[in-house]
């Protein structure tokens, strides 16, 4: 496909990553290390998806999706600031809204003929499935890695397993 380039491919992969992390964030227990770490990854990927979209234009024109990107930058930022300030209801609303927005954009990107993803699905479904599988695998690997939570501490390389939000000193019984 001639019109695929590094920007478009990285945009699609980041968007799939955001779509994959979303359910983990929404459906599991909140306010723990895993939620925060995956949340920061989600926010970074979401910013990349939104900002990169401004360089992906059709015939030199912006679409309503670019308006959605601008709005999503605002809602993700408000959600992040709300979490930092401890305003969990605002954080929850902004992040859920942002996730719904990217899900709508994804449906539009996949369902409308003539766009890059439907053409890829028609011409090379194996590549599309491979990329989607790799992204799904990366989300699972990130989650499992964070879930295991094994860390190396200090010069003595003492392995410490963290559970919940306990402090490191709780585990270092010297």
N, C-alpha and C. Protein backbone atom coordinates (compact mmCIF):
# COMPACT_ATOMS: atom_id res chain seq x y z
N UNK A 1 0.85 -1.18 0.00
CA UNK A 1 0.00 0.00 0.00
C UNK A 1 0.89 1.23 0.00
N UNK A 2 0.74 2.03 -1.00
CA UNK A 2 1.62 3.18 -1.20
C UNK A 2 1.47 4.26 -0.15
N UNK A 3 0.27 4.47 0.36
CA UNK A 3 0.06 5.60 1.26
C UNK A 3 0.39 5.29 2.72
N UNK A 4 0.81 4.08 3.03
CA UNK A 4 1.24 3.78 4.40
C UNK A 4 2.65 4.33 4.59
N UNK A 5 2.86 5.03 5.68
CA UNK A 5 4.18 5.55 6.01
C UNK A 5 4.41 5.37 7.50
N UNK A 6 5.57 5.75 7.96
CA UNK A 6 5.93 5.55 9.37
C UNK A 6 4.95 6.26 10.30
N UNK A 7 4.55 7.47 9.94
CA UNK A 7 3.62 8.21 10.79
C UNK A 7 2.28 7.48 10.91
N UNK A 8 1.73 7.05 9.80
CA UNK A 8 0.44 6.38 9.82
C UNK A 8 0.52 5.04 10.56
N UNK A 9 1.57 4.28 10.31
CA UNK A 9 1.73 2.99 10.98
C UNK A 9 1.89 3.19 12.49
N UNK A 10 2.73 4.13 12.90
CA UNK A 10 2.92 4.36 14.34
C UNK A 10 1.64 4.89 14.99
N UNK A 11 0.88 5.69 14.26
CA UNK A 11 -0.40 6.21 14.75
C UNK A 11 -1.37 5.04 15.00
N UNK A 12 -1.47 4.13 14.04
CA UNK A 12 -2.38 2.99 14.16
C UNK A 12 -1.95 2.08 15.30
N UNK A 13 -0.66 1.81 15.41
CA UNK A 13 -0.17 0.93 16.49
C UNK A 13 -0.43 1.56 17.85
N UNK A 14 -0.17 2.86 18.00
CA UNK A 14 -0.43 3.53 19.27
C UNK A 14 -1.92 3.53 19.58
N UNK A 15 -2.77 3.73 18.57
CA UNK A 15 -4.22 3.70 18.79
C UNK A 15 -4.68 2.31 19.22
N UNK A 16 -4.14 1.28 18.61
CA UNK A 16 -4.49 -0.08 19.03
C UNK A 16 -4.02 -0.35 20.46
N UNK A 17 -2.85 0.17 20.82
CA UNK A 17 -2.33 0.02 22.17
C UNK A 17 -3.26 0.70 23.18
N UNK A 18 -3.72 1.91 22.84
CA UNK A 18 -4.66 2.64 23.70
C UNK A 18 -5.96 1.85 23.84
N UNK A 19 -6.46 1.32 22.73
CA UNK A 19 -7.69 0.53 22.78
C UNK A 19 -7.51 -0.73 23.61
N UNK A 20 -6.32 -1.32 23.57
CA UNK A 20 -6.05 -2.53 24.34
C UNK A 20 -5.90 -2.28 25.83
N UNK A 21 -5.24 -1.20 26.19
CA UNK A 21 -5.03 -0.90 27.61
C UNK A 21 -6.32 -0.44 28.28
N UNK A 22 -7.19 0.23 27.54
CA UNK A 22 -8.42 0.79 28.10
C UNK A 22 -9.21 -0.16 28.98
N UNK A 23 -9.57 -1.35 28.48
CA UNK A 23 -10.35 -2.27 29.33
C UNK A 23 -9.62 -2.69 30.61
N UNK A 24 -8.31 -2.86 30.54
CA UNK A 24 -7.56 -3.19 31.76
C UNK A 24 -7.73 -2.06 32.78
N UNK A 25 -7.66 -0.84 32.32
CA UNK A 25 -7.76 0.30 33.22
C UNK A 25 -9.18 0.48 33.77
N UNK A 26 -10.15 0.25 32.94
CA UNK A 26 -11.54 0.49 33.34
C UNK A 26 -12.06 -0.61 34.26
N UNK A 27 -11.70 -1.85 33.99
CA UNK A 27 -12.33 -2.98 34.67
C UNK A 27 -11.62 -3.48 35.92
N UNK A 28 -10.40 -3.06 36.15
CA UNK A 28 -9.70 -3.59 37.32
C UNK A 28 -9.65 -2.57 38.46
N UNK A 29 -9.17 -3.04 39.61
CA UNK A 29 -9.06 -2.20 40.80
C UNK A 29 -8.22 -0.97 40.51
N UNK A 30 -8.61 0.12 41.06
CA UNK A 30 -7.92 1.37 40.78
C UNK A 30 -6.99 1.78 41.93
N UNK A 31 -6.23 2.82 41.64
CA UNK A 31 -5.36 3.48 42.62
C UNK A 31 -4.23 2.59 43.12
N UNK A 32 -3.76 1.69 42.31
CA UNK A 32 -2.59 0.93 42.68
C UNK A 32 -1.48 1.23 41.67
N UNK A 33 -0.33 0.67 41.92
CA UNK A 33 0.84 0.93 41.08
C UNK A 33 0.60 0.52 39.64
N UNK A 34 -0.05 -0.62 39.43
CA UNK A 34 -0.30 -1.09 38.07
C UNK A 34 -1.20 -0.11 37.33
N UNK A 35 -2.26 0.34 37.99
CA UNK A 35 -3.17 1.29 37.35
C UNK A 35 -2.44 2.58 36.99
N UNK A 36 -1.63 3.07 37.89
CA UNK A 36 -0.90 4.32 37.62
C UNK A 36 0.10 4.15 36.48
N UNK A 37 0.87 3.08 36.50
CA UNK A 37 1.88 2.87 35.46
C UNK A 37 1.24 2.66 34.09
N UNK A 38 0.22 1.79 34.05
CA UNK A 38 -0.47 1.59 32.78
C UNK A 38 -1.18 2.87 32.35
N UNK A 39 -1.65 3.63 33.32
CA UNK A 39 -2.30 4.90 33.00
C UNK A 39 -1.35 5.88 32.35
N UNK A 40 -0.13 5.97 32.87
CA UNK A 40 0.86 6.86 32.24
C UNK A 40 1.20 6.40 30.83
N UNK A 41 1.31 5.09 30.62
CA UNK A 41 1.54 4.57 29.27
C UNK A 41 0.36 4.92 28.36
N UNK A 42 -0.85 4.76 28.89
CA UNK A 42 -2.06 5.05 28.13
C UNK A 42 -2.11 6.53 27.75
N UNK A 43 -1.82 7.40 28.71
CA UNK A 43 -1.84 8.85 28.46
C UNK A 43 -0.80 9.21 27.40
N UNK A 44 0.41 8.69 27.52
CA UNK A 44 1.46 8.99 26.54
C UNK A 44 1.04 8.53 25.14
N UNK A 45 0.51 7.31 25.05
CA UNK A 45 0.06 6.80 23.74
C UNK A 45 -1.11 7.61 23.21
N UNK A 46 -2.01 8.01 24.10
CA UNK A 46 -3.17 8.81 23.68
C UNK A 46 -2.72 10.17 23.15
N UNK A 47 -1.78 10.81 23.83
CA UNK A 47 -1.25 12.08 23.32
C UNK A 47 -0.61 11.88 21.95
N UNK A 48 0.14 10.80 21.79
CA UNK A 48 0.78 10.54 20.50
C UNK A 48 -0.27 10.36 19.41
N UNK A 49 -1.31 9.57 19.69
CA UNK A 49 -2.37 9.35 18.70
C UNK A 49 -3.01 10.67 18.31
N UNK A 50 -3.36 11.48 19.30
CA UNK A 50 -4.04 12.75 19.02
C UNK A 50 -3.15 13.72 18.26
N UNK A 51 -1.93 13.90 18.72
CA UNK A 51 -1.03 14.87 18.08
C UNK A 51 -0.62 14.40 16.69
N UNK A 52 -0.33 13.12 16.53
CA UNK A 52 0.07 12.63 15.21
C UNK A 52 -1.07 12.73 14.20
N UNK A 53 -2.30 12.73 14.66
CA UNK A 53 -3.43 12.80 13.73
C UNK A 53 -3.43 14.11 12.93
N UNK A 54 -2.85 15.15 13.47
CA UNK A 54 -2.85 16.44 12.77
C UNK A 54 -1.95 16.44 11.54
N UNK A 55 -1.10 15.44 11.41
CA UNK A 55 -0.27 15.30 10.21
C UNK A 55 -0.83 14.26 9.24
N UNK A 56 -1.95 13.66 9.62
CA UNK A 56 -2.62 12.69 8.76
C UNK A 56 -3.88 13.35 8.22
N UNK A 57 -3.78 13.87 7.01
CA UNK A 57 -4.91 14.59 6.42
C UNK A 57 -5.25 13.99 5.06
N UNK A 58 -6.50 14.13 4.69
CA UNK A 58 -6.97 13.66 3.39
C UNK A 58 -7.15 14.85 2.47
N UNK A 59 -6.45 14.85 1.37
CA UNK A 59 -6.52 15.94 0.38
C UNK A 59 -6.25 17.30 1.01
N UNK A 60 -5.38 17.32 2.01
CA UNK A 60 -4.99 18.58 2.63
C UNK A 60 -6.02 19.20 3.55
N UNK A 61 -7.05 18.44 3.93
CA UNK A 61 -8.12 18.99 4.77
C UNK A 61 -8.25 18.21 6.07
N UNK A 62 -8.59 18.96 7.12
CA UNK A 62 -8.90 18.33 8.39
C UNK A 62 -10.33 17.80 8.35
N UNK A 63 -10.60 16.81 9.20
CA UNK A 63 -11.96 16.26 9.30
C UNK A 63 -12.43 16.42 10.74
N UNK A 64 -13.63 15.93 11.02
CA UNK A 64 -14.16 15.98 12.37
C UNK A 64 -13.29 15.17 13.33
N UNK A 65 -12.54 14.19 12.79
CA UNK A 65 -11.66 13.40 13.65
C UNK A 65 -10.55 14.26 14.25
N UNK A 66 -10.12 15.29 13.52
CA UNK A 66 -9.10 16.19 14.06
C UNK A 66 -9.68 17.04 15.20
N UNK A 67 -10.95 17.41 15.06
CA UNK A 67 -11.63 18.10 16.16
C UNK A 67 -11.74 17.20 17.38
N UNK A 68 -12.04 15.92 17.14
CA UNK A 68 -12.09 14.95 18.23
C UNK A 68 -10.72 14.81 18.88
N UNK A 69 -9.65 14.84 18.08
CA UNK A 69 -8.29 14.77 18.63
C UNK A 69 -8.00 15.95 19.54
N UNK A 70 -8.36 17.15 19.10
CA UNK A 70 -8.13 18.34 19.92
C UNK A 70 -8.92 18.25 21.22
N UNK A 71 -10.17 17.85 21.13
CA UNK A 71 -11.01 17.70 22.31
C UNK A 71 -10.43 16.64 23.25
N UNK A 72 -9.92 15.54 22.69
CA UNK A 72 -9.38 14.45 23.50
C UNK A 72 -8.10 14.88 24.21
N UNK A 73 -7.29 15.70 23.57
CA UNK A 73 -6.10 16.22 24.26
C UNK A 73 -6.52 16.96 25.53
N UNK A 74 -7.58 17.74 25.43
CA UNK A 74 -8.08 18.49 26.58
C UNK A 74 -8.62 17.53 27.65
N UNK A 75 -9.45 16.55 27.24
CA UNK A 75 -10.05 15.66 28.24
C UNK A 75 -9.02 14.75 28.91
N UNK A 76 -8.04 14.29 28.15
CA UNK A 76 -6.98 13.47 28.76
C UNK A 76 -6.18 14.30 29.76
N UNK A 77 -5.87 15.53 29.39
CA UNK A 77 -5.13 16.41 30.30
C UNK A 77 -5.94 16.69 31.56
N UNK A 78 -7.24 16.97 31.40
CA UNK A 78 -8.09 17.19 32.57
C UNK A 78 -8.16 15.94 33.44
N UNK A 79 -8.24 14.77 32.81
CA UNK A 79 -8.28 13.53 33.57
C UNK A 79 -7.00 13.27 34.32
N UNK A 80 -5.87 13.57 33.70
CA UNK A 80 -4.57 13.40 34.35
C UNK A 80 -4.42 14.36 35.53
N UNK A 81 -4.76 15.61 35.31
CA UNK A 81 -4.68 16.61 36.39
C UNK A 81 -5.63 16.23 37.53
N UNK A 82 -6.82 15.76 37.18
CA UNK A 82 -7.78 15.35 38.21
C UNK A 82 -7.24 14.21 39.06
N UNK A 83 -6.59 13.24 38.41
CA UNK A 83 -6.02 12.11 39.16
C UNK A 83 -4.92 12.59 40.09
N UNK A 84 -4.06 13.46 39.60
CA UNK A 84 -2.96 13.98 40.42
C UNK A 84 -3.50 14.75 41.62
N UNK A 85 -4.59 15.47 41.42
CA UNK A 85 -5.19 16.26 42.51
C UNK A 85 -6.12 15.43 43.39
N UNK A 86 -6.35 14.17 43.02
CA UNK A 86 -7.20 13.31 43.84
C UNK A 86 -8.69 13.44 43.57
N UNK A 87 -9.06 14.10 42.49
CA UNK A 87 -10.47 14.24 42.12
C UNK A 87 -10.84 13.04 41.24
N UNK A 88 -11.12 11.93 41.87
CA UNK A 88 -11.32 10.66 41.17
C UNK A 88 -12.58 10.68 40.28
N UNK A 89 -13.71 11.24 40.72
CA UNK A 89 -14.87 11.26 39.81
C UNK A 89 -14.59 12.01 38.50
N UNK A 90 -13.89 13.13 38.58
CA UNK A 90 -13.52 13.87 37.37
C UNK A 90 -12.53 13.08 36.52
N UNK A 91 -11.56 12.46 37.17
CA UNK A 91 -10.59 11.62 36.48
C UNK A 91 -11.31 10.50 35.72
N UNK A 92 -12.19 9.82 36.42
CA UNK A 92 -12.93 8.70 35.84
C UNK A 92 -13.75 9.17 34.63
N UNK A 93 -14.48 10.25 34.78
CA UNK A 93 -15.31 10.75 33.69
C UNK A 93 -14.51 11.17 32.47
N UNK A 94 -13.43 11.88 32.68
CA UNK A 94 -12.61 12.34 31.56
C UNK A 94 -11.93 11.18 30.85
N UNK A 95 -11.44 10.21 31.59
CA UNK A 95 -10.74 9.10 30.96
C UNK A 95 -11.71 8.16 30.24
N UNK A 96 -12.86 7.90 30.84
CA UNK A 96 -13.87 7.07 30.17
C UNK A 96 -14.33 7.77 28.90
N UNK A 97 -14.57 9.07 28.98
CA UNK A 97 -14.96 9.83 27.79
C UNK A 97 -13.91 9.80 26.70
N UNK A 98 -12.65 9.91 27.09
CA UNK A 98 -11.55 9.85 26.12
C UNK A 98 -11.49 8.47 25.46
N UNK A 99 -11.70 7.44 26.26
CA UNK A 99 -11.68 6.08 25.70
C UNK A 99 -12.84 5.89 24.73
N UNK A 100 -14.01 6.36 25.08
CA UNK A 100 -15.17 6.26 24.17
C UNK A 100 -14.87 7.01 22.88
N UNK A 101 -14.23 8.17 22.98
CA UNK A 101 -13.87 8.95 21.79
C UNK A 101 -12.94 8.19 20.87
N UNK A 102 -11.92 7.54 21.43
CA UNK A 102 -11.01 6.81 20.54
C UNK A 102 -11.68 5.56 19.98
N UNK A 103 -12.60 4.97 20.74
CA UNK A 103 -13.33 3.82 20.21
C UNK A 103 -14.21 4.23 19.03
N UNK A 104 -14.85 5.40 19.12
CA UNK A 104 -15.66 5.92 18.01
C UNK A 104 -14.77 6.20 16.80
N UNK A 105 -13.62 6.82 17.03
CA UNK A 105 -12.69 7.11 15.94
C UNK A 105 -12.21 5.81 15.29
N UNK A 106 -11.96 4.78 16.11
CA UNK A 106 -11.53 3.50 15.57
C UNK A 106 -12.60 2.87 14.68
N UNK A 107 -13.84 2.88 15.16
CA UNK A 107 -14.94 2.33 14.36
C UNK A 107 -15.03 3.08 13.03
N UNK A 108 -14.92 4.39 13.08
CA UNK A 108 -14.97 5.18 11.85
C UNK A 108 -13.80 4.83 10.93
N UNK A 109 -12.61 4.70 11.50
CA UNK A 109 -11.42 4.41 10.69
C UNK A 109 -11.49 3.03 10.05
N UNK A 110 -12.16 2.09 10.70
CA UNK A 110 -12.23 0.73 10.18
C UNK A 110 -13.43 0.55 9.25
N UNK A 111 -14.52 1.24 9.52
CA UNK A 111 -15.77 0.98 8.81
C UNK A 111 -15.95 1.77 7.52
N UNK A 112 -15.29 2.91 7.40
CA UNK A 112 -15.51 3.76 6.23
C UNK A 112 -14.61 3.30 5.08
N UNK A 113 -15.23 2.88 3.98
CA UNK A 113 -14.44 2.45 2.81
C UNK A 113 -13.58 3.61 2.29
N UNK A 114 -12.45 3.27 1.73
CA UNK A 114 -11.56 4.28 1.17
C UNK A 114 -10.49 4.74 2.14
N UNK A 115 -10.68 4.47 3.43
CA UNK A 115 -9.64 4.82 4.40
C UNK A 115 -8.58 3.73 4.39
N UNK A 116 -7.45 3.99 5.01
CA UNK A 116 -6.29 3.09 4.93
C UNK A 116 -6.54 1.73 5.57
N UNK A 117 -7.19 1.69 6.73
CA UNK A 117 -7.36 0.42 7.43
C UNK A 117 -8.29 -0.54 6.66
N UNK A 118 -9.46 -0.08 6.17
CA UNK A 118 -10.27 -1.02 5.38
C UNK A 118 -9.55 -1.54 4.14
N UNK A 119 -8.74 -0.69 3.53
CA UNK A 119 -7.97 -1.14 2.36
C UNK A 119 -6.95 -2.20 2.77
N UNK A 120 -6.28 -2.00 3.90
CA UNK A 120 -5.32 -2.99 4.39
C UNK A 120 -6.03 -4.30 4.72
N UNK A 121 -7.18 -4.21 5.37
CA UNK A 121 -7.93 -5.42 5.71
C UNK A 121 -8.34 -6.19 4.46
N UNK A 122 -8.68 -5.47 3.40
CA UNK A 122 -9.09 -6.13 2.16
C UNK A 122 -7.90 -6.70 1.40
N UNK A 123 -6.79 -5.97 1.36
CA UNK A 123 -5.65 -6.37 0.56
C UNK A 123 -4.68 -7.30 1.27
N UNK A 124 -4.52 -7.13 2.57
CA UNK A 124 -3.54 -7.92 3.31
C UNK A 124 -4.03 -8.19 4.74
N UNK A 125 -5.06 -9.02 4.88
CA UNK A 125 -5.61 -9.26 6.22
C UNK A 125 -4.61 -9.94 7.16
N UNK A 126 -3.67 -10.69 6.61
CA UNK A 126 -2.66 -11.35 7.43
C UNK A 126 -1.79 -10.35 8.17
N UNK A 127 -1.36 -9.31 7.48
CA UNK A 127 -0.56 -8.27 8.12
C UNK A 127 -1.36 -7.54 9.19
N UNK A 128 -2.60 -7.22 8.88
CA UNK A 128 -3.46 -6.54 9.86
C UNK A 128 -3.63 -7.40 11.11
N UNK A 129 -3.88 -8.69 10.93
CA UNK A 129 -4.06 -9.59 12.08
C UNK A 129 -2.76 -9.72 12.87
N UNK A 130 -1.63 -9.79 12.16
CA UNK A 130 -0.33 -9.91 12.80
C UNK A 130 -0.04 -8.68 13.68
N UNK A 131 -0.26 -7.49 13.14
CA UNK A 131 -0.02 -6.26 13.90
C UNK A 131 -0.96 -6.18 15.10
N UNK A 132 -2.25 -6.47 14.89
CA UNK A 132 -3.20 -6.44 15.99
C UNK A 132 -2.80 -7.45 17.07
N UNK A 133 -2.34 -8.63 16.67
CA UNK A 133 -1.89 -9.64 17.62
C UNK A 133 -0.68 -9.19 18.41
N UNK A 134 0.28 -8.57 17.73
CA UNK A 134 1.47 -8.07 18.42
C UNK A 134 1.13 -6.98 19.43
N UNK A 135 0.22 -6.10 19.05
CA UNK A 135 -0.18 -5.03 19.98
C UNK A 135 -0.91 -5.64 21.18
N UNK A 136 -1.82 -6.58 20.94
CA UNK A 136 -2.52 -7.24 22.05
C UNK A 136 -1.53 -7.96 22.96
N UNK A 137 -0.56 -8.63 22.37
CA UNK A 137 0.47 -9.32 23.16
C UNK A 137 1.28 -8.32 23.99
N UNK A 138 1.61 -7.17 23.40
CA UNK A 138 2.38 -6.16 24.15
C UNK A 138 1.59 -5.63 25.34
N UNK A 139 0.29 -5.45 25.18
CA UNK A 139 -0.54 -4.99 26.30
C UNK A 139 -0.52 -6.04 27.42
N UNK A 140 -0.68 -7.29 27.05
CA UNK A 140 -0.67 -8.37 28.05
C UNK A 140 0.69 -8.46 28.73
N UNK A 141 1.77 -8.33 27.97
CA UNK A 141 3.12 -8.39 28.54
C UNK A 141 3.33 -7.24 29.53
N UNK A 142 2.92 -6.05 29.17
CA UNK A 142 3.05 -4.90 30.09
C UNK A 142 2.27 -5.17 31.36
N UNK A 143 1.03 -5.62 31.22
CA UNK A 143 0.19 -5.88 32.39
C UNK A 143 0.80 -6.97 33.28
N UNK A 144 1.20 -8.08 32.69
CA UNK A 144 1.77 -9.19 33.47
C UNK A 144 3.07 -8.76 34.13
N UNK A 145 3.90 -8.00 33.42
CA UNK A 145 5.16 -7.52 34.00
C UNK A 145 4.88 -6.65 35.21
N UNK A 146 3.91 -5.78 35.10
CA UNK A 146 3.57 -4.91 36.24
C UNK A 146 2.93 -5.72 37.36
N UNK A 147 2.14 -6.69 37.00
CA UNK A 147 1.48 -7.53 38.01
C UNK A 147 2.49 -8.30 38.84
N UNK A 148 3.52 -8.81 38.17
CA UNK A 148 4.56 -9.56 38.90
C UNK A 148 5.30 -8.64 39.83
N UNK A 149 5.61 -7.42 39.38
CA UNK A 149 6.19 -6.40 40.24
C UNK A 149 7.51 -6.71 40.88
N UNK A 150 8.32 -7.54 40.29
CA UNK A 150 9.61 -7.86 40.88
C UNK A 150 10.58 -6.73 40.54
N UNK A 151 11.22 -6.22 41.57
CA UNK A 151 12.17 -5.13 41.39
C UNK A 151 13.49 -5.48 42.06
N UNK A 152 14.56 -4.91 41.52
CA UNK A 152 15.87 -5.07 42.12
C UNK A 152 16.22 -3.78 42.84
N UNK A 153 16.67 -3.90 44.07
CA UNK A 153 16.91 -2.73 44.90
C UNK A 153 18.35 -2.72 45.38
N UNK A 154 18.99 -1.54 45.32
CA UNK A 154 20.30 -1.34 45.92
C UNK A 154 21.43 -2.08 45.24
N UNK A 155 22.63 -1.87 45.78
CA UNK A 155 23.84 -2.46 45.21
C UNK A 155 23.90 -3.96 45.44
N UNK A 156 23.20 -4.44 46.50
CA UNK A 156 23.22 -5.86 46.80
C UNK A 156 22.25 -6.66 45.95
N UNK A 157 21.53 -6.00 45.06
CA UNK A 157 20.58 -6.65 44.15
C UNK A 157 19.60 -7.54 44.91
N UNK A 158 18.97 -6.96 45.92
CA UNK A 158 17.96 -7.67 46.68
C UNK A 158 16.65 -7.58 45.92
N UNK A 159 16.06 -8.71 45.58
CA UNK A 159 14.78 -8.70 44.86
C UNK A 159 13.67 -8.44 45.86
N UNK A 160 12.82 -7.51 45.52
CA UNK A 160 11.72 -7.13 46.39
C UNK A 160 10.43 -7.23 45.58
N UNK A 161 9.46 -7.93 46.12
CA UNK A 161 8.18 -8.04 45.44
C UNK A 161 7.23 -7.07 46.11
N UNK A 162 6.66 -6.16 45.30
CA UNK A 162 5.73 -5.17 45.82
C UNK A 162 4.31 -5.65 45.58
N UNK A 163 3.47 -5.47 46.57
CA UNK A 163 2.05 -5.77 46.41
C UNK A 163 1.28 -4.55 46.87
N UNK A 164 0.29 -4.18 46.07
CA UNK A 164 -0.51 -3.02 46.43
C UNK A 164 0.31 -1.76 46.43
N UNK A 165 0.05 -0.91 47.40
CA UNK A 165 0.74 0.38 47.47
C UNK A 165 1.61 0.46 48.72
N UNK A 166 2.08 -0.64 49.24
CA UNK A 166 2.95 -0.61 50.41
C UNK A 166 4.28 0.00 50.03
N UNK A 167 4.93 0.55 51.02
CA UNK A 167 6.22 1.18 50.75
C UNK A 167 7.32 0.14 50.68
N UNK A 168 8.40 0.54 50.08
CA UNK A 168 9.56 -0.34 49.93
C UNK A 168 10.11 -0.73 51.29
N UNK A 169 10.11 0.20 52.25
CA UNK A 169 10.66 -0.09 53.57
C UNK A 169 9.85 -1.19 54.28
N UNK A 170 8.60 -1.36 53.92
CA UNK A 170 7.78 -2.42 54.50
C UNK A 170 8.37 -3.79 54.17
N UNK A 171 8.98 -3.91 53.00
CA UNK A 171 9.50 -5.19 52.55
C UNK A 171 10.96 -5.41 52.91
N UNK A 172 11.68 -4.34 53.19
CA UNK A 172 13.10 -4.47 53.53
C UNK A 172 13.24 -4.59 55.05
N UNK A 173 13.16 -5.78 55.52
CA UNK A 173 13.26 -6.03 56.97
C UNK A 173 14.72 -6.36 57.28
N UNK A 174 15.48 -5.32 57.57
CA UNK A 174 16.92 -5.48 57.79
C UNK A 174 17.18 -5.63 59.27
